[in-house]
Amino acid sequence: MSSKSPKSTRKPAGARTTPPKKSAKRRVAAIGAVVALVVALVSAGIAIGKNAGGSGKRHPSASGQSADPRQKLYDQAAKLSIRRQDGDPLAVGRADAPVVLVEYADYQCSFCGRFTRETQPELVKKYVDEGVLRIEFRNFPIFGDDSTRAARASWAAGRQGKFWEFHHELYAKTRKGDALAEDKLLDMAKQSGITDLDRFRADLNGDASQAAVKKDQEEGYSIGVQSTPTFLVNGLPISGAQPMSVFEAAVAQAKTAHDAGTDSPQSGK
């Protein structure tokens, strides 16, 4: 797409859950605890589905936004997650769009692929192209080395202005294990229109890609992200590959709050 285009209580529908991390220090920051509470409090009411398709969903109402006692917590999530960096190769849409959707995803997550193939194109056509919505992608590899390698490759593709083309090539079908080996990633890079494959390989294996992916991961853990895909719409969390109607409701609520001047400060710097 171009800038034109084990054991748990209950896992959000259409989501893959992160395995236990070796270190807990990323989750102990005070703000992480606060925003994790937001996710726990509101995710069930925003995006619960009985299966991967999210039937039986519920979503937020645009009314009463300013009176919501949890609004300050949403604001903190928004300030931490939204970057609005001009020229960000992992983003699409105006930097000053009133609504920003931040996605945390893993390239081995089938639900993330479903969102990319089915829902994101609709969001781009309906909201991004109209200047209402900006989408910012965050690499959040949680399924091991293959996921991390793919994440670093997507960042490397962005260095040549081909992040979205490579992103869609990765998600064209579910790819696991050996399908994400370095030689396969190079093949996909070529298919995505990346011409300097030597530079792509060097960027993929370089320190900068490692640092960029680590930054996204640590940001996600600090705000309570536990599964993929996880989205924040101006700070309001949605878990799982939910139907278009859930995202429509969240965008409408965020746009209403923005127009009324009750939304959060739009900066993640």
Protein backbone atom coordinates (compact mmCIF):
# COMPACT_ATOMS: atom_id res chain seq x y z
CA MET A 1 0.00 0.00 0.00
CA SER A 2 1.27 3.45 -0.78
CA SER A 3 0.45 6.55 1.17
CA LYS A 4 -2.51 6.80 -1.12
CA SER A 5 -3.32 3.22 -0.16
CA PRO A 6 -0.91 -21.82 29.38
CA LYS A 7 -3.47 -20.56 30.97
CA SER A 8 -5.41 -17.42 30.92
CA THR A 9 -8.78 -16.16 31.86
CA ARG A 10 -10.05 -15.00 28.52
CA LYS A 11 -8.10 -13.95 25.44
CA PRO A 12 -9.55 -11.17 23.26
CA ALA A 13 -11.21 -12.47 20.10
CA GLY A 14 -8.99 -12.42 17.05
CA ALA A 15 -5.79 -11.96 19.03
CA ARG A 16 -2.58 -13.89 19.63
CA THR A 17 -1.15 -13.67 23.14
CA THR A 18 2.48 -12.98 23.91
CA PRO A 19 4.53 -15.75 25.56
CA PRO A 20 5.98 -14.95 29.00
CA LYS A 21 8.93 -12.55 28.84
CA LYS A 22 12.24 -13.30 30.51
CA SER A 23 12.41 -9.92 32.14
CA ALA A 24 9.58 -8.05 33.85
CA LYS A 25 11.29 -4.69 34.11
CA ARG A 26 9.55 -3.34 31.00
CA ARG A 27 6.18 -3.75 32.68
CA VAL A 28 6.83 -2.23 36.05
CA ALA A 29 6.79 1.44 35.09
CA ALA A 30 3.96 3.26 36.77
CA ILE A 31 2.46 4.45 33.52
CA GLY A 32 2.49 0.91 32.21
CA ALA A 33 0.40 -0.24 35.14
CA VAL A 34 -2.02 2.62 34.65
CA VAL A 35 -2.57 2.00 30.96
CA ALA A 36 -2.68 -1.77 31.38
CA LEU A 37 -5.61 -1.11 33.68
CA VAL A 38 -7.30 0.83 30.90
CA VAL A 39 -6.93 -2.13 28.57
CA ALA A 40 -8.38 -4.49 31.15
CA LEU A 41 -11.28 -2.19 31.92
CA VAL A 42 -12.39 -1.30 28.45
CA SER A 43 -11.25 -3.91 25.97
CA ALA A 44 -14.15 -6.21 26.76
CA GLY A 45 -16.62 -3.43 26.16
CA ILE A 46 -14.94 -2.28 22.97
CA ALA A 47 -14.12 -5.37 21.02
CA ILE A 48 -15.27 -8.75 22.29
CA GLY A 49 -16.10 -11.43 19.74
CA LYS A 50 -17.17 -15.03 20.16
CA ASN A 51 -14.66 -16.13 17.53
CA ALA A 52 -11.94 -14.71 15.31
CA GLY A 53 -14.54 -12.75 13.40
CA GLY A 54 -15.68 -11.00 16.55
CA SER A 55 -19.41 -11.74 16.26
CA GLY A 56 -21.36 -10.58 19.27
CA LYS A 57 -19.15 -7.51 19.43
CA ARG A 58 -19.69 -4.41 21.50
CA HIS A 59 -18.15 -1.06 20.79
CA PRO A 60 -17.95 2.35 22.39
CA SER A 61 -20.60 4.99 22.07
CA ALA A 62 -19.60 8.45 20.89
CA SER A 63 -21.85 10.01 23.49
CA GLY A 64 -20.67 10.99 26.95
CA GLN A 65 -17.00 10.91 26.00
CA SER A 66 -16.03 13.98 28.00
CA ALA A 67 -17.78 12.65 31.10
CA ASP A 68 -15.95 9.29 31.04
CA PRO A 69 -13.86 9.07 34.24
CA ARG A 70 -11.35 6.91 32.38
CA GLN A 71 -10.60 9.62 29.82
CA LYS A 72 -7.39 10.72 31.53
CA LEU A 73 -6.10 7.17 31.29
CA TYR A 74 -6.92 7.07 27.58
CA ASP A 75 -5.08 10.36 27.22
CA GLN A 76 -1.96 8.90 28.81
CA ALA A 77 -2.05 5.97 26.38
CA ALA A 78 -2.43 8.36 23.46
CA LYS A 79 0.48 10.52 24.55
CA LEU A 80 2.75 7.49 24.87
CA SER A 81 1.78 5.73 21.65
CA ILE A 82 1.16 8.44 19.03
CA ARG A 83 4.26 9.79 17.29
CA ARG A 84 3.02 11.94 14.36
CA GLN A 85 6.47 12.06 12.79
CA ASP A 86 6.56 13.60 9.32
CA GLY A 87 8.00 11.19 6.80
CA ASP A 88 7.55 8.13 9.04
CA PRO A 89 7.81 5.22 6.57
CA LEU A 90 5.75 2.99 8.90
CA ALA A 91 2.79 5.38 8.86
CA VAL A 92 0.14 6.41 6.36
CA GLY A 93 -2.07 9.47 6.48
CA ARG A 94 -1.68 13.09 7.43
CA ALA A 95 0.55 13.78 10.43
CA ASP A 96 -2.10 16.22 11.69
CA ALA A 97 -5.10 13.92 11.17
CA PRO A 98 -7.62 14.25 14.04
CA VAL A 99 -7.60 10.49 14.70
CA VAL A 100 -4.58 8.21 14.94
CA LEU A 101 -4.81 4.42 14.96
CA VAL A 102 -1.67 2.74 16.31
CA GLU A 103 -1.31 -0.98 15.55
CA TYR A 104 0.98 -3.40 17.41
CA ALA A 105 1.45 -6.55 15.33
CA ASP A 106 3.55 -9.66 14.69
CA TYR A 107 4.18 -11.00 11.19
CA GLN A 108 3.41 -14.57 12.27
CA CYS A 109 0.03 -13.52 13.66
CA SER A 110 -2.75 -14.67 11.35
CA PHE A 111 -5.21 -12.22 12.89
CA CYS A 112 -2.84 -9.36 12.11
CA GLY A 113 -2.77 -10.57 8.52
CA ARG A 114 -6.53 -10.65 8.44
CA PHE A 115 -6.72 -7.03 9.57
CA THR A 116 -4.17 -6.00 6.93
CA ARG A 117 -5.91 -7.80 4.09
CA GLU A 118 -9.54 -7.13 4.96
CA THR A 119 -10.02 -4.13 7.24
CA GLN A 120 -7.11 -1.78 6.69
CA PRO A 121 -7.89 -1.14 3.00
CA GLU A 122 -11.42 -0.10 4.00
CA LEU A 123 -10.06 2.23 6.68
CA VAL A 124 -7.67 3.79 4.19
CA LYS A 125 -10.38 4.38 1.62
CA LYS A 126 -12.98 5.71 4.07
CA TYR A 127 -10.84 7.68 6.52
CA VAL A 128 -7.16 7.98 5.59
CA ASP A 129 -7.78 9.24 2.07
CA GLU A 130 -10.22 11.79 3.51
CA GLY A 131 -7.67 13.15 5.98
CA VAL A 132 -9.55 11.92 9.06
CA LEU A 133 -7.30 9.03 10.08
CA ARG A 134 -3.60 8.31 10.33
CA ILE A 135 -2.36 4.72 10.80
CA GLU A 136 0.96 4.14 12.56
CA PHE A 137 2.41 0.62 12.59
CA ARG A 138 4.50 -0.77 15.45
CA ASN A 139 6.56 -3.95 15.21
CA PHE A 140 5.66 -6.12 18.19
CA PRO A 141 7.26 -9.54 17.54
CA ILE A 142 6.23 -12.00 20.23
CA PHE A 143 6.66 -15.39 18.53
CA GLY A 144 10.42 -15.77 18.50
CA ASP A 145 13.34 -15.17 16.18
CA ASP A 146 11.39 -15.58 12.93
CA SER A 147 8.99 -12.84 13.96
CA THR A 148 11.85 -10.59 15.00
CA ARG A 149 13.65 -11.17 11.70
CA ALA A 150 10.52 -10.28 9.75
CA ALA A 151 10.03 -7.16 11.86
CA ARG A 152 13.58 -6.02 11.19
CA ALA A 153 13.09 -6.73 7.49
CA SER A 154 9.98 -4.55 7.39
CA TRP A 155 11.95 -1.71 8.97
CA ALA A 156 14.69 -2.25 6.37
CA ALA A 157 12.08 -2.04 3.61
CA GLY A 158 10.98 1.28 5.03
CA ARG A 159 14.51 2.60 4.60
CA GLN A 160 13.93 2.34 0.84
CA GLY A 161 10.38 3.69 0.93
CA LYS A 162 8.82 0.26 0.45
CA PHE A 163 7.53 -0.57 3.94
CA TRP A 164 3.85 -0.88 3.00
CA GLU A 165 4.55 -2.90 -0.16
CA PHE A 166 6.72 -5.31 1.84
CA HIS A 167 4.23 -5.31 4.72
CA HIS A 168 1.45 -6.46 2.39
CA GLU A 169 3.71 -9.03 0.74
CA LEU A 170 4.44 -10.54 4.17
CA TYR A 171 0.74 -10.65 5.03
CA ALA A 172 -0.46 -11.86 1.62
CA LYS A 173 -0.61 -15.26 3.29
CA THR A 174 0.25 -16.59 6.72
CA ARG A 175 3.98 -17.23 6.85
CA LYS A 176 5.71 -19.18 9.62
CA GLY A 177 9.18 -20.41 10.49
CA ASP A 178 11.30 -21.12 7.42
CA ALA A 179 8.99 -18.97 5.29
CA LEU A 180 10.53 -16.02 7.15
CA ALA A 181 14.14 -17.10 6.69
CA GLU A 182 16.48 -14.41 5.42
CA ASP A 183 16.60 -15.70 1.85
CA LYS A 184 12.79 -15.79 1.71
CA LEU A 185 12.64 -12.24 3.03
CA LEU A 186 15.04 -11.17 0.29
CA ASP A 187 12.75 -12.77 -2.30
CA MET A 188 9.77 -10.89 -0.86
CA ALA A 189 11.77 -7.68 -0.85
CA LYS A 190 12.43 -8.10 -4.56
CA GLN A 191 8.73 -8.79 -5.18
CA SER A 192 7.92 -5.61 -3.25
CA GLY A 193 9.97 -3.43 -5.58
CA ILE A 194 13.06 -3.07 -3.43
CA THR A 195 15.96 -2.64 -5.83
CA ASP A 196 19.00 -2.40 -3.56
CA LEU A 197 18.97 -5.86 -2.01
CA ASP A 198 22.49 -5.52 -0.62
CA ARG A 199 21.40 -2.46 1.35
CA PHE A 200 18.22 -4.26 2.40
CA ARG A 201 20.24 -7.19 3.78
CA ALA A 202 22.65 -4.84 5.57
CA ASP A 203 19.79 -2.85 7.12
CA LEU A 204 17.99 -6.04 8.13
CA ASN A 205 21.04 -7.27 10.02
CA GLY A 206 22.22 -3.90 11.30
CA ASP A 207 22.11 -2.38 14.76
CA ALA A 208 19.61 0.29 13.72
CA SER A 209 16.89 -2.22 12.83
CA GLN A 210 17.45 -4.05 16.12
CA ALA A 211 17.11 -0.77 18.04
CA ALA A 212 13.98 0.28 16.13
CA VAL A 213 12.17 -3.01 16.77
CA LYS A 214 13.23 -3.00 20.43
CA LYS A 215 11.88 0.53 20.81
CA ASP A 216 8.47 -0.51 19.46
CA GLN A 217 8.40 -3.58 21.70
CA GLU A 218 9.30 -1.67 24.84
CA GLU A 219 6.72 0.99 24.05
CA GLY A 220 4.06 -1.69 23.67
CA TYR A 221 4.95 -3.42 26.93
CA SER A 222 5.04 -0.08 28.77
CA ILE A 223 1.40 0.61 27.88
CA GLY A 224 0.15 -2.89 28.61
CA VAL A 225 0.07 -4.52 25.17
CA GLN A 226 -0.17 -8.28 25.69
CA SER A 227 -1.49 -9.71 22.43
CA THR A 228 -1.52 -9.09 18.70
CA PRO A 229 -3.05 -7.33 17.05
CA THR A 230 -3.66 -4.56 19.56
CA PHE A 231 -4.84 -1.14 18.41
CA LEU A 232 -5.18 2.23 20.07
CA VAL A 233 -7.48 4.79 18.49
CA ASN A 234 -6.47 8.11 20.04
CA GLY A 235 -5.52 6.04 23.08
CA LEU A 236 -8.66 3.91 23.24
CA PRO A 237 -7.70 0.21 23.00
CA ILE A 238 -9.17 -2.40 20.67
CA SER A 239 -7.97 -6.01 20.85
CA GLY A 240 -8.09 -8.52 18.03
CA ALA A 241 -9.00 -8.51 14.35
CA GLN A 242 -12.42 -7.00 14.88
CA PRO A 243 -14.99 -6.18 12.19
CA MET A 244 -14.95 -2.89 10.36
CA SER A 245 -17.94 -1.67 12.39
CA VAL A 246 -15.86 -1.70 15.59
CA PHE A 247 -13.22 0.51 14.03
CA GLU A 248 -15.85 2.78 12.52
CA ALA A 249 -17.36 3.31 15.96
CA ALA A 250 -13.97 4.01 17.54
CA VAL A 251 -12.97 6.47 14.82
CA ALA A 252 -16.34 8.23 15.09
CA GLN A 253 -15.97 8.55 18.86
CA ALA A 254 -12.42 9.87 18.58
CA LYS A 255 -13.39 12.34 15.84
CA THR A 256 -16.35 13.59 17.90
CA ALA A 257 -14.08 14.13 20.91
CA HIS A 258 -11.52 15.92 18.76
CA ASP A 259 -14.11 18.23 17.22
CA ALA A 260 -15.49 19.00 20.67
CA GLY A 261 -12.02 19.79 21.98
CA THR A 262 -12.14 17.04 24.59
CA ASP A 263 -9.61 14.65 23.10
CA SER A 264 -6.13 14.01 24.42
CA PRO A 265 -3.03 16.00 23.45
CA GLN A 266 -2.01 14.58 20.07
CA SER A 267 1.66 14.00 20.61
CA GLY A 268 3.80 11.00 21.34
CA LYS A 269 7.16 12.69 21.18
